[in-house]
Amino acid sequence: MTPNSPRLVRTMLVGWVSQPEMDSSPYLTDSEGRAFVPVGCQGIRYNVRVGMPAFGWEADRVQPGASVTHREAAANRALSLFACVGNRVNVRTGAAAGAEGVVTGKHEEFQRFQEVLVDLPPAALEALAPGDQVAIEAVGRGLRPCPSPAVVAHSLGPELWGAWDPRPRGEGLEVRVTLELPPEAVGMGAGRVAAATSWELQTPPPMLETIPELARVRLGDLVAVRDWDAAYVSGYRPGSVVVGVVCHGASRLPGHGLGLTVLLSGREGKLSLLRDPGANIADLLSLGLEERGSG
C-alpha cells in the first residue's frame, strides 16, 4: 500500500465503446514518403491484447482490446483524467453486458480523440459493439507513491500498484521495467500535461536502428525514459526518469510510434530502475492469457 491508499476516492464513471473515424482523405504518409491507410485506433480489436508484440501488425498505433470514450467533451476529459491503469471495468449494455475487464492505458491523438483502453476476455470482445456502455470504477488519482514529493504518480491504479510491488529505496522507490530508453526516443506528446494523456516513442527505422531492443517490446510493457520529466508537463530534464506502460503499437509516421501512458515520474534520483523482462501488465494482472502469441 502507498502512504495514502486508504484515502483515495473511488468514482464511478461511464463511457461508450467508440467507433473508428476517418478524415476525408484516408491516407497518411510514412517516414519514407509512402502513403498508407491506417487501421488499429478506436473501436474494438478482437485479436490484439496486452502481452502481445507491439510490432508486426498491419496497422498504425494499434490499440489492444476496446476503446472507451464519453460523448460529451468535458465528461470525456474527466474520464481520461480519473481512470487509472488496473482499474476494474464492467460492461453495462449490449450482448456483452456483465463482462468484466481492466483499464490498460489511455491514448490521445491530438485534436482527434482521447480514449481509455480496456482489456476484456475474448468472448466479451466478440460480443461487444460500438455504442455499448462501459462503467469504470476509477481510483488512483491522488496516489502518493512514497514520502518524497520528487516522485509523482499519474494514471496508476492501486490494483496495478499491488501487483507491480514497487519497493522503498531511501526516500524514493525502486520499480521493475523491461527497458530503459534515452530521451531522444520521445516523439509526439512532448509538452503535454502529463496527468491524462499519452506520449509516443518513435519507431520509424532510424530509431529502431539506434535502439534495436525496441523491436522486442510488448503491449503492456512497463518501460522507462531517462532524462525526461512528467511531474506536471512532460519535457526534457537531465537526471529525471519517467516510467509508463506501452498502451498501443508501433507507427510508421515520423515522430510517432509506441504509446506510453505515464505512471511515475521521479526527480533527484528518487526513482530507481530494476530490469525485469516480466514487467508487463498482462503478466502482473493475468490478462490476455488465452491469446498470447497469436500476433
C-alpha atoms as a PDB file:
ATOM      1  CA  MET A   1       0.000   0.000   0.000  1.00  0.00           C
ATOM      2  CA  THR A   2       1.052   3.592  -0.598  1.00  0.00           C
ATOM      3  CA  PRO A   3       1.084   6.059   2.314  1.00  0.00           C
ATOM      4  CA  ASN A   4      -2.352   7.416   1.352  1.00  0.00           C
ATOM      5  CA  SER A   5      -4.092   4.387  -0.215  1.00  0.00           C
ATOM      6  CA  PRO A   6      -6.959   4.283   2.320  1.00  0.00           C
ATOM      7  CA  ARG A   7      -7.851   7.889   1.490  1.00  0.00           C
ATOM      8  CA  LEU A   8      -8.099   7.506  -2.287  1.00  0.00           C
ATOM      9  CA  VAL A   9     -11.581   8.291  -3.622  1.00  0.00           C
ATOM     10  CA  ARG A  10     -13.379   5.682  -5.750  1.00  0.00           C
ATOM     11  CA  THR A  11     -15.513   7.214  -8.505  1.00  0.00           C
ATOM     12  CA  MET A  12     -17.961   5.514 -10.871  1.00  0.00           C
ATOM     13  CA  LEU A  13     -17.557   6.679 -14.469  1.00  0.00           C
ATOM     14  CA  VAL A  14     -19.285   5.630 -17.669  1.00  0.00           C
ATOM     15  CA  GLY A  15     -18.241   5.742 -21.291  1.00  0.00           C
ATOM     16  CA  TRP A  16     -19.208   4.144 -24.565  1.00  0.00           C
ATOM     17  CA  VAL A  17     -17.255   1.848 -26.851  1.00  0.00           C
ATOM     18  CA  SER A  18     -16.106   4.045 -29.719  1.00  0.00           C
ATOM     19  CA  GLN A  19     -16.453   3.662 -33.480  1.00  0.00           C
ATOM     20  CA  PRO A  20     -13.407   4.272 -35.728  1.00  0.00           C
ATOM     21  CA  GLU A  21     -13.489   7.617 -37.564  1.00  0.00           C
ATOM     22  CA  MET A  22     -11.769   8.670 -40.781  1.00  0.00           C
ATOM     23  CA  ASP A  23     -10.892  12.071 -42.249  1.00  0.00           C
ATOM     24  CA  SER A  24     -11.948  12.985 -45.786  1.00  0.00           C
ATOM     25  CA  SER A  25      -8.630  11.639 -47.104  1.00  0.00           C
ATOM     26  CA  PRO A  26      -7.931   8.063 -45.964  1.00  0.00           C
ATOM     27  CA  TYR A  27      -4.148   8.318 -46.375  1.00  0.00           C
ATOM     28  CA  LEU A  28      -1.256   9.008 -44.051  1.00  0.00           C
ATOM     29  CA  THR A  29       2.366   9.301 -45.173  1.00  0.00           C
ATOM     30  CA  ASP A  30       5.130   7.251 -43.543  1.00  0.00           C
ATOM     31  CA  SER A  31       8.734   8.258 -42.839  1.00  0.00           C
ATOM     32  CA  GLU A  32       9.765   7.173 -46.363  1.00  0.00           C
ATOM     33  CA  GLY A  33       7.058   9.245 -48.063  1.00  0.00           C
ATOM     34  CA  ARG A  34       4.780   6.289 -48.856  1.00  0.00           C
ATOM     35  CA  ALA A  35       1.020   6.628 -48.403  1.00  0.00           C
ATOM     36  CA  PHE A  36      -0.979   4.084 -46.387  1.00  0.00           C
ATOM     37  CA  VAL A  37      -4.444   3.724 -44.868  1.00  0.00           C
ATOM     38  CA  PRO A  38      -4.238   3.428 -41.058  1.00  0.00           C
ATOM     39  CA  VAL A  39      -6.172   0.871 -39.051  1.00  0.00           C
ATOM     40  CA  GLY A  40      -5.971  -0.010 -35.366  1.00  0.00           C
ATOM     41  CA  CYS A  41      -7.231   3.015 -33.404  1.00  0.00           C
ATOM     42  CA  GLN A  42     -10.698   3.388 -31.854  1.00  0.00           C
ATOM     43  CA  GLY A  43     -13.411   0.753 -31.677  1.00  0.00           C
ATOM     44  CA  ILE A  44     -12.649  -2.905 -30.893  1.00  0.00           C
ATOM     45  CA  ARG A  45      -9.681  -5.122 -31.822  1.00  0.00           C
ATOM     46  CA  TYR A  46     -10.657  -8.785 -31.468  1.00  0.00           C
ATOM     47  CA  ASN A  47      -7.172 -10.245 -31.903  1.00  0.00           C
ATOM     48  CA  VAL A  48      -4.884  -7.665 -30.253  1.00  0.00           C
ATOM     49  CA  ARG A  49      -4.418  -7.693 -26.488  1.00  0.00           C
ATOM     50  CA  VAL A  50      -1.857  -6.653 -23.904  1.00  0.00           C
ATOM     51  CA  GLY A  51       1.034  -9.091 -23.666  1.00  0.00           C
ATOM     52  CA  MET A  52       1.246  -9.443 -27.447  1.00  0.00           C
ATOM     53  CA  PRO A  53       4.036  -7.912 -29.595  1.00  0.00           C
ATOM     54  CA  ALA A  54       3.830  -4.160 -30.176  1.00  0.00           C
ATOM     55  CA  PHE A  55       5.371  -4.589 -33.656  1.00  0.00           C
ATOM     56  CA  GLY A  56       4.443  -6.666 -36.685  1.00  0.00           C
ATOM     57  CA  TRP A  57       0.777  -5.695 -37.086  1.00  0.00           C
ATOM     58  CA  GLU A  58      -0.561  -4.412 -40.406  1.00  0.00           C
ATOM     59  CA  ALA A  59      -1.749  -1.362 -38.524  1.00  0.00           C
ATOM     60  CA  ASP A  60      -0.771   2.045 -37.219  1.00  0.00           C
ATOM     61  CA  ARG A  61      -0.639   2.583 -33.438  1.00  0.00           C
ATOM     62  CA  VAL A  62      -2.881  -0.420 -32.887  1.00  0.00           C
ATOM     63  CA  GLN A  63      -4.716  -0.358 -29.572  1.00  0.00           C
ATOM     64  CA  PRO A  64      -5.264  -3.601 -27.638  1.00  0.00           C
ATOM     65  CA  GLY A  65      -8.815  -4.584 -26.691  1.00  0.00           C
ATOM     66  CA  ALA A  66     -11.570  -1.971 -26.737  1.00  0.00           C
ATOM     67  CA  SER A  67     -11.523   1.841 -26.731  1.00  0.00           C
ATOM     68  CA  VAL A  68     -13.905   3.788 -24.496  1.00  0.00           C
ATOM     69  CA  THR A  69     -14.870   7.445 -24.682  1.00  0.00           C
ATOM     70  CA  HIS A  70     -17.609   9.785 -23.410  1.00  0.00           C
ATOM     71  CA  ARG A  71     -19.915  11.583 -25.797  1.00  0.00           C
ATOM     72  CA  GLU A  72     -19.516  14.954 -24.064  1.00  0.00           C
ATOM     73  CA  ALA A  73     -16.100  16.628 -24.287  1.00  0.00           C
ATOM     74  CA  ALA A  74     -15.886  17.803 -20.650  1.00  0.00           C
ATOM     75  CA  ALA A  75     -17.027  14.425 -19.326  1.00  0.00           C
ATOM     76  CA  ASN A  76     -14.517  12.687 -21.597  1.00  0.00           C
ATOM     77  CA  ARG A  77     -11.698  14.787 -20.147  1.00  0.00           C
ATOM     78  CA  ALA A  78     -12.763  13.681 -16.656  1.00  0.00           C
ATOM     79  CA  LEU A  79     -12.952  10.054 -17.804  1.00  0.00           C
ATOM     80  CA  SER A  80      -9.399  10.262 -19.146  1.00  0.00           C
ATOM     81  CA  LEU A  81      -8.146  12.035 -16.032  1.00  0.00           C
ATOM     82  CA  PHE A  82      -9.704   9.818 -13.356  1.00  0.00           C
ATOM     83  CA  ALA A  83      -9.442   6.337 -14.938  1.00  0.00           C
ATOM     84  CA  CYS A  84      -6.187   4.608 -13.947  1.00  0.00           C
ATOM     85  CA  VAL A  85      -4.333   1.581 -15.272  1.00  0.00           C
ATOM     86  CA  GLY A  86      -5.505  -1.507 -13.380  1.00  0.00           C
ATOM     87  CA  ASN A  87      -8.994  -0.142 -12.565  1.00  0.00           C
ATOM     88  CA  ARG A  88     -11.943  -2.508 -12.829  1.00  0.00           C
ATOM     89  CA  VAL A  89     -14.365  -2.293 -15.767  1.00  0.00           C
ATOM     90  CA  ASN A  90     -17.893  -3.632 -16.220  1.00  0.00           C
ATOM     91  CA  VAL A  91     -19.874  -3.736 -19.481  1.00  0.00           C
ATOM     92  CA  ARG A  92     -23.371  -2.400 -18.748  1.00  0.00           C
ATOM     93  CA  THR A  93     -25.311  -2.783 -22.016  1.00  0.00           C
ATOM     94  CA  GLY A  94     -25.415  -4.911 -25.154  1.00  0.00           C
ATOM     95  CA  ALA A  95     -24.677  -8.593 -25.756  1.00  0.00           C
ATOM     96  CA  ALA A  96     -21.545  -8.435 -23.558  1.00  0.00           C
ATOM     97  CA  ALA A  97     -23.397  -6.946 -20.541  1.00  0.00           C
ATOM     98  CA  GLY A  98     -21.943  -8.219 -17.266  1.00  0.00           C
ATOM     99  CA  ALA A  99     -18.457  -8.876 -18.662  1.00  0.00           C
ATOM    100  CA  GLU A 100     -15.596  -7.599 -16.513  1.00  0.00           C
ATOM    101  CA  GLY A 101     -12.307  -6.123 -17.654  1.00  0.00           C
ATOM    102  CA  VAL A 102      -9.385  -3.883 -16.748  1.00  0.00           C
ATOM    103  CA  VAL A 103      -8.111  -0.454 -17.832  1.00  0.00           C
ATOM    104  CA  THR A 104      -4.773  -0.942 -19.627  1.00  0.00           C
ATOM    105  CA  GLY A 105      -3.906   2.596 -20.766  1.00  0.00           C
ATOM    106  CA  LYS A 106      -5.004   5.856 -22.365  1.00  0.00           C
ATOM    107  CA  HIS A 107      -4.362   7.115 -25.883  1.00  0.00           C
ATOM    108  CA  GLU A 108      -4.749  10.642 -27.212  1.00  0.00           C
ATOM    109  CA  GLU A 109      -4.381  11.677 -30.827  1.00  0.00           C
ATOM    110  CA  PHE A 110      -4.084  15.447 -30.882  1.00  0.00           C
ATOM    111  CA  GLN A 111      -7.360  17.173 -31.899  1.00  0.00           C
ATOM    112  CA  ARG A 112      -8.950  13.832 -32.846  1.00  0.00           C
ATOM    113  CA  PHE A 113      -9.692  11.619 -29.853  1.00  0.00           C
ATOM    114  CA  GLN A 114      -8.824  10.867 -26.227  1.00  0.00           C
ATOM    115  CA  GLU A 115      -9.736   7.336 -25.151  1.00  0.00           C
ATOM    116  CA  VAL A 116      -9.415   4.880 -22.285  1.00  0.00           C
ATOM    117  CA  LEU A 117      -8.237   1.413 -23.352  1.00  0.00           C
ATOM    118  CA  VAL A 118      -9.842  -1.668 -21.822  1.00  0.00           C
ATOM    119  CA  ASP A 119      -8.910  -5.362 -21.795  1.00  0.00           C
ATOM    120  CA  LEU A 120     -11.791  -7.868 -21.846  1.00  0.00           C
ATOM    121  CA  PRO A 121     -11.889 -11.678 -22.279  1.00  0.00           C
ATOM    122  CA  PRO A 122     -12.172 -12.951 -25.885  1.00  0.00           C
ATOM    123  CA  ALA A 123     -15.863 -13.928 -25.609  1.00  0.00           C
ATOM    124  CA  ALA A 124     -16.727 -10.461 -24.302  1.00  0.00           C
ATOM    125  CA  LEU A 125     -14.793  -8.736 -27.085  1.00  0.00           C
ATOM    126  CA  GLU A 126     -16.632 -10.848 -29.673  1.00  0.00           C
ATOM    127  CA  ALA A 127     -19.996  -9.826 -28.181  1.00  0.00           C
ATOM    128  CA  LEU A 128     -19.077  -6.162 -27.725  1.00  0.00           C
ATOM    129  CA  ALA A 129     -20.217  -3.484 -30.196  1.00  0.00           C
ATOM    130  CA  PRO A 130     -19.596   0.238 -30.659  1.00  0.00           C
ATOM    131  CA  GLY A 131     -22.106   2.166 -28.564  1.00  0.00           C
ATOM    132  CA  ASP A 132     -22.177  -0.321 -25.676  1.00  0.00           C
ATOM    133  CA  GLN A 133     -21.934   1.400 -22.304  1.00  0.00           C
ATOM    134  CA  VAL A 134     -18.987   0.612 -20.030  1.00  0.00           C
ATOM    135  CA  ALA A 135     -18.611   1.503 -16.330  1.00  0.00           C
ATOM    136  CA  ILE A 136     -15.186   2.106 -14.762  1.00  0.00           C
ATOM    137  CA  GLU A 137     -14.509   2.075 -11.025  1.00  0.00           C
ATOM    138  CA  ALA A 138     -11.914   4.843 -11.125  1.00  0.00           C
ATOM    139  CA  VAL A 139      -9.396   5.036  -8.291  1.00  0.00           C
ATOM    140  CA  GLY A 140      -5.768   6.118  -8.154  1.00  0.00           C
ATOM    141  CA  ARG A 141      -5.879   9.845  -8.817  1.00  0.00           C
ATOM    142  CA  GLY A 142      -4.092  11.485  -5.886  1.00  0.00           C
ATOM    143  CA  LEU A 143      -1.972   8.405  -5.141  1.00  0.00           C
ATOM    144  CA  ARG A 144       1.273   9.343  -3.399  1.00  0.00           C
ATOM    145  CA  PRO A 145       3.790   6.588  -4.162  1.00  0.00           C
ATOM    146  CA  CYS A 146       6.335   7.468  -1.454  1.00  0.00           C
ATOM    147  CA  PRO A 147       7.127  10.169   1.122  1.00  0.00           C
ATOM    148  CA  SER A 148       9.313  12.144  -1.300  1.00  0.00           C
ATOM    149  CA  PRO A 149       7.488  14.810  -3.371  1.00  0.00           C
ATOM    150  CA  ALA A 150      10.132  14.197  -6.054  1.00  0.00           C
ATOM    151  CA  VAL A 151       8.180  11.080  -7.158  1.00  0.00           C
ATOM    152  CA  VAL A 152       4.759  11.741  -8.704  1.00  0.00           C
ATOM    153  CA  ALA A 153       2.146   9.207  -9.847  1.00  0.00           C
ATOM    154  CA  HIS A 154      -0.245   9.536 -12.805  1.00  0.00           C
ATOM    155  CA  SER A 155      -2.892   7.058 -14.005  1.00  0.00           C
ATOM    156  CA  LEU A 156      -1.589   4.379 -11.612  1.00  0.00           C
ATOM    157  CA  GLY A 157      -4.383   2.330 -10.028  1.00  0.00           C
ATOM    158  CA  PRO A 158      -3.866   0.597  -6.687  1.00  0.00           C
ATOM    159  CA  GLU A 159      -4.652  -2.727  -8.388  1.00  0.00           C
ATOM    160  CA  LEU A 160      -1.553  -2.382 -10.568  1.00  0.00           C
ATOM    161  CA  TRP A 161       0.480  -0.912  -7.709  1.00  0.00           C
ATOM    162  CA  GLY A 162      -0.096  -4.032  -5.613  1.00  0.00           C
ATOM    163  CA  ALA A 163       0.827  -6.399  -8.450  1.00  0.00           C
ATOM    164  CA  TRP A 164       3.861  -4.365  -9.562  1.00  0.00           C
ATOM    165  CA  ASP A 165       5.032  -4.059  -5.947  1.00  0.00           C
ATOM    166  CA  PRO A 166       7.455  -1.077  -6.132  1.00  0.00           C
ATOM    167  CA  ARG A 167       9.992  -1.246  -3.299  1.00  0.00           C
ATOM    168  CA  PRO A 168      11.022   1.619  -0.982  1.00  0.00           C
ATOM    169  CA  ARG A 169      14.577   2.775  -1.539  1.00  0.00           C
ATOM    170  CA  GLY A 170      15.640   5.527   0.856  1.00  0.00           C
ATOM    171  CA  GLU A 171      13.120   8.318   0.413  1.00  0.00           C
ATOM    172  CA  GLY A 172      12.258   7.057  -3.086  1.00  0.00           C
ATOM    173  CA  LEU A 173      11.258   3.902  -4.952  1.00  0.00           C
ATOM    174  CA  GLU A 174      12.734   1.049  -6.967  1.00  0.00           C
ATOM    175  CA  VAL A 175      10.485  -0.209  -9.776  1.00  0.00           C
ATOM    176  CA  ARG A 176      10.716  -3.044 -12.286  1.00  0.00           C
ATOM    177  CA  VAL A 177      10.863  -2.185 -16.011  1.00  0.00           C
ATOM    178  CA  THR A 178      11.501  -4.176 -19.165  1.00  0.00           C
ATOM    179  CA  LEU A 179      13.529  -1.477 -20.911  1.00  0.00           C
ATOM    180  CA  GLU A 180      15.287   1.866 -20.357  1.00  0.00           C
ATOM    181  CA  LEU A 181      15.245   4.371 -23.222  1.00  0.00           C
ATOM    182  CA  PRO A 182      17.200   7.574 -23.885  1.00  0.00           C
ATOM    183  CA  PRO A 183      15.331  10.912 -24.029  1.00  0.00           C
ATOM    184  CA  GLU A 184      15.587  11.151 -27.822  1.00  0.00           C
ATOM    185  CA  ALA A 185      13.147   8.243 -28.097  1.00  0.00           C
ATOM    186  CA  VAL A 186      10.274  10.587 -27.167  1.00  0.00           C
ATOM    187  CA  GLY A 187       8.290  11.873 -30.138  1.00  0.00           C
ATOM    188  CA  MET A 188       4.763  13.264 -30.348  1.00  0.00           C
ATOM    189  CA  GLY A 189       3.443  14.374 -26.963  1.00  0.00           C
ATOM    190  CA  ALA A 190       6.353  16.349 -25.535  1.00  0.00           C
ATOM    191  CA  GLY A 191       4.965  19.400 -23.752  1.00  0.00           C
ATOM    192  CA  ARG A 192       1.582  17.857 -22.945  1.00  0.00           C
ATOM    193  CA  VAL A 193       0.019  17.830 -19.497  1.00  0.00           C
ATOM    194  CA  ALA A 194       1.155  14.527 -18.010  1.00  0.00           C
ATOM    195  CA  ALA A 195      -1.910  13.599 -15.957  1.00  0.00           C
ATOM    196  CA  ALA A 196      -4.342  12.361 -18.590  1.00  0.00           C
ATOM    197  CA  THR A 197      -2.646  11.663 -21.879  1.00  0.00           C
ATOM    198  CA  SER A 198      -0.065   9.534 -23.698  1.00  0.00           C
ATOM    199  CA  TRP A 199       3.229  10.183 -25.467  1.00  0.00           C
ATOM    200  CA  GLU A 200       4.705   8.371 -28.410  1.00  0.00           C
ATOM    201  CA  LEU A 201       8.085   6.643 -28.518  1.00  0.00           C
ATOM    202  CA  GLN A 202       9.431   6.987 -32.046  1.00  0.00           C
ATOM    203  CA  THR A 203       9.631   3.723 -34.007  1.00  0.00           C
ATOM    204  CA  PRO A 204      10.371   4.559 -37.684  1.00  0.00           C
ATOM    205  CA  PRO A 205      13.552   2.790 -38.927  1.00  0.00           C
ATOM    206  CA  PRO A 206      16.225   5.300 -37.740  1.00  0.00           C
ATOM    207  CA  MET A 207      15.145   4.904 -34.110  1.00  0.00           C
ATOM    208  CA  LEU A 208      14.954   1.106 -34.344  1.00  0.00           C
ATOM    209  CA  GLU A 209      18.483   1.027 -35.723  1.00  0.00           C
ATOM    210  CA  THR A 210      19.682   3.131 -32.786  1.00  0.00           C
ATOM    211  CA  ILE A 211      17.742   1.134 -30.146  1.00  0.00           C
ATOM    212  CA  PRO A 212      17.234  -2.420 -31.510  1.00  0.00           C
ATOM    213  CA  GLU A 213      15.690  -3.541 -28.185  1.00  0.00           C
ATOM    214  CA  LEU A 214      12.591  -1.527 -29.105  1.00  0.00           C
ATOM    215  CA  ALA A 215      11.609  -4.163 -31.660  1.00  0.00           C
ATOM    216  CA  ARG A 216      11.010  -6.708 -28.858  1.00  0.00           C
ATOM    217  CA  VAL A 217       8.622  -4.537 -26.843  1.00  0.00           C
ATOM    218  CA  ARG A 218       5.216  -5.995 -25.963  1.00  0.00           C
ATOM    219  CA  LEU A 219       1.941  -4.165 -25.480  1.00  0.00           C
ATOM    220  CA  GLY A 220       1.649  -3.623 -21.736  1.00  0.00           C
ATOM    221  CA  ASP A 221       5.401  -3.454 -21.063  1.00  0.00           C
ATOM    222  CA  LEU A 222       6.497  -1.107 -18.284  1.00  0.00           C
ATOM    223  CA  VAL A 223       9.327   0.981 -19.734  1.00  0.00           C
ATOM    224  CA  ALA A 224      11.440   3.900 -18.524  1.00  0.00           C
ATOM    225  CA  VAL A 225      12.669   7.031 -20.304  1.00  0.00           C
ATOM    226  CA  ARG A 226      15.800   8.651 -18.866  1.00  0.00           C
ATOM    227  CA  ASP A 227      16.341  12.416 -18.565  1.00  0.00           C
ATOM    228  CA  TRP A 228      12.641  13.085 -19.006  1.00  0.00           C
ATOM    229  CA  ASP A 229      10.158  14.582 -16.565  1.00  0.00           C
ATOM    230  CA  ALA A 230       6.366  14.280 -16.341  1.00  0.00           C
ATOM    231  CA  ALA A 231       5.580  15.629 -12.885  1.00  0.00           C
ATOM    232  CA  TYR A 232       3.139  18.112 -14.433  1.00  0.00           C
ATOM    233  CA  VAL A 233       4.023  18.855 -18.076  1.00  0.00           C
ATOM    234  CA  SER A 234       6.221  16.414 -19.977  1.00  0.00           C
ATOM    235  CA  GLY A 235       9.650  17.623 -21.078  1.00  0.00           C
ATOM    236  CA  TYR A 236      13.402  17.098 -21.041  1.00  0.00           C
ATOM    237  CA  ARG A 237      15.037  17.259 -17.591  1.00  0.00           C
ATOM    238  CA  PRO A 238      18.525  15.769 -17.056  1.00  0.00           C
ATOM    239  CA  GLY A 239      18.654  13.285 -14.181  1.00  0.00           C
ATOM    240  CA  SER A 240      14.896  12.668 -14.083  1.00  0.00           C
ATOM    241  CA  VAL A 241      13.169   9.467 -15.168  1.00  0.00           C
ATOM    242  CA  VAL A 242       9.657   8.578 -16.294  1.00  0.00           C
ATOM    243  CA  VAL A 243       8.062   5.114 -16.206  1.00  0.00           C
ATOM    244  CA  GLY A 244       4.944   4.257 -18.178  1.00  0.00           C
ATOM    245  CA  VAL A 245       3.018   1.424 -19.785  1.00  0.00           C
ATOM    246  CA  VAL A 246       3.125   0.748 -23.547  1.00  0.00           C
ATOM    247  CA  CYS A 247      -0.513   1.383 -24.417  1.00  0.00           C
ATOM    248  CA  HIS A 248      -0.518   0.988 -28.207  1.00  0.00           C
ATOM    249  CA  GLY A 249       1.588  -0.412 -31.009  1.00  0.00           C
ATOM    250  CA  ALA A 250       4.225   0.967 -33.372  1.00  0.00           C
ATOM    251  CA  SER A 251       3.800   3.541 -36.130  1.00  0.00           C
ATOM    252  CA  ARG A 252       5.394   4.312 -39.499  1.00  0.00           C
ATOM    253  CA  LEU A 253       4.716   8.044 -39.092  1.00  0.00           C
ATOM    254  CA  PRO A 254       7.659  10.370 -38.409  1.00  0.00           C
ATOM    255  CA  GLY A 255       7.757  11.341 -34.732  1.00  0.00           C
ATOM    256  CA  HIS A 256       5.210   8.672 -33.821  1.00  0.00           C
ATOM    257  CA  GLY A 257       5.411   5.141 -32.502  1.00  0.00           C
ATOM    258  CA  LEU A 258       4.665   3.165 -29.348  1.00  0.00           C
ATOM    259  CA  GLY A 259       2.228   4.865 -26.996  1.00  0.00           C
ATOM    260  CA  LEU A 260       3.322   5.433 -23.404  1.00  0.00           C
ATOM    261  CA  THR A 261       0.778   6.141 -20.664  1.00  0.00           C
ATOM    262  CA  VAL A 262       2.688   7.809 -17.820  1.00  0.00           C
ATOM    263  CA  LEU A 263       2.604   6.073 -14.417  1.00  0.00           C
ATOM    264  CA  LEU A 264       5.521   7.532 -12.416  1.00  0.00           C
ATOM    265  CA  SER A 265       7.877  10.486 -12.750  1.00  0.00           C
ATOM    266  CA  GLY A 266      10.893  10.932 -10.484  1.00  0.00           C
ATOM    267  CA  ARG A 267      13.457  13.691  -9.927  1.00  0.00           C
ATOM    268  CA  GLU A 268      16.646  13.945  -7.872  1.00  0.00           C
ATOM    269  CA  GLY A 269      17.499  10.255  -8.214  1.00  0.00           C
ATOM    270  CA  LYS A 270      14.450   9.181  -6.192  1.00  0.00           C
ATOM    271  CA  LEU A 271      13.154   6.714  -8.804  1.00  0.00           C
ATOM    272  CA  SER A 272      15.460   3.715  -9.339  1.00  0.00           C
ATOM    273  CA  LEU A 273      15.057   1.040 -12.025  1.00  0.00           C
ATOM    274  CA  LEU A 274      15.404  -2.745 -11.948  1.00  0.00           C
ATOM    275  CA  ARG A 275      15.372  -4.589 -15.291  1.00  0.00           C
ATOM    276  CA  ASP A 276      12.807  -7.399 -15.376  1.00  0.00           C
ATOM    277  CA  PRO A 277      11.530  -8.972 -18.648  1.00  0.00           C
ATOM    278  CA  GLY A 278       8.310  -9.910 -16.853  1.00  0.00           C
ATOM    279  CA  ALA A 279       7.400  -6.300 -16.030  1.00  0.00           C
ATOM    280  CA  ASN A 280       4.312  -6.266 -18.223  1.00  0.00           C
ATOM    281  CA  ILE A 281       0.771  -5.568 -17.020  1.00  0.00           C
ATOM    282  CA  ALA A 282      -0.515  -8.665 -18.816  1.00  0.00           C
ATOM    283  CA  ASP A 283       1.775 -10.808 -16.661  1.00  0.00           C
ATOM    284  CA  LEU A 284       1.220  -8.779 -13.492  1.00  0.00           C
ATOM    285  CA  LEU A 285      -2.582  -8.680 -13.801  1.00  0.00           C
ATOM    286  CA  SER A 286      -3.056 -12.051 -15.612  1.00  0.00           C
ATOM    287  CA  LEU A 287      -4.566 -10.501 -18.748  1.00  0.00           C
ATOM    288  CA  GLY A 288      -4.780 -11.903 -22.267  1.00  0.00           C
ATOM    289  CA  LEU A 289      -3.516 -15.355 -21.344  1.00  0.00           C
ATOM    290  CA  GLU A 290      -5.883 -17.060 -23.813  1.00  0.00           C
ATOM    291  CA  GLU A 291      -4.396 -15.355 -26.882  1.00  0.00           C
ATOM    292  CA  ARG A 292      -0.667 -14.979 -26.213  1.00  0.00           C
ATOM    293  CA  GLY A 293       1.464 -15.447 -29.269  1.00  0.00           C
ATOM    294  CA  SER A 294      -1.334 -15.086 -31.830  1.00  0.00           C
ATOM    295  CA  GLY A 295       0.101 -11.731 -33.094  1.00  0.00           C
END
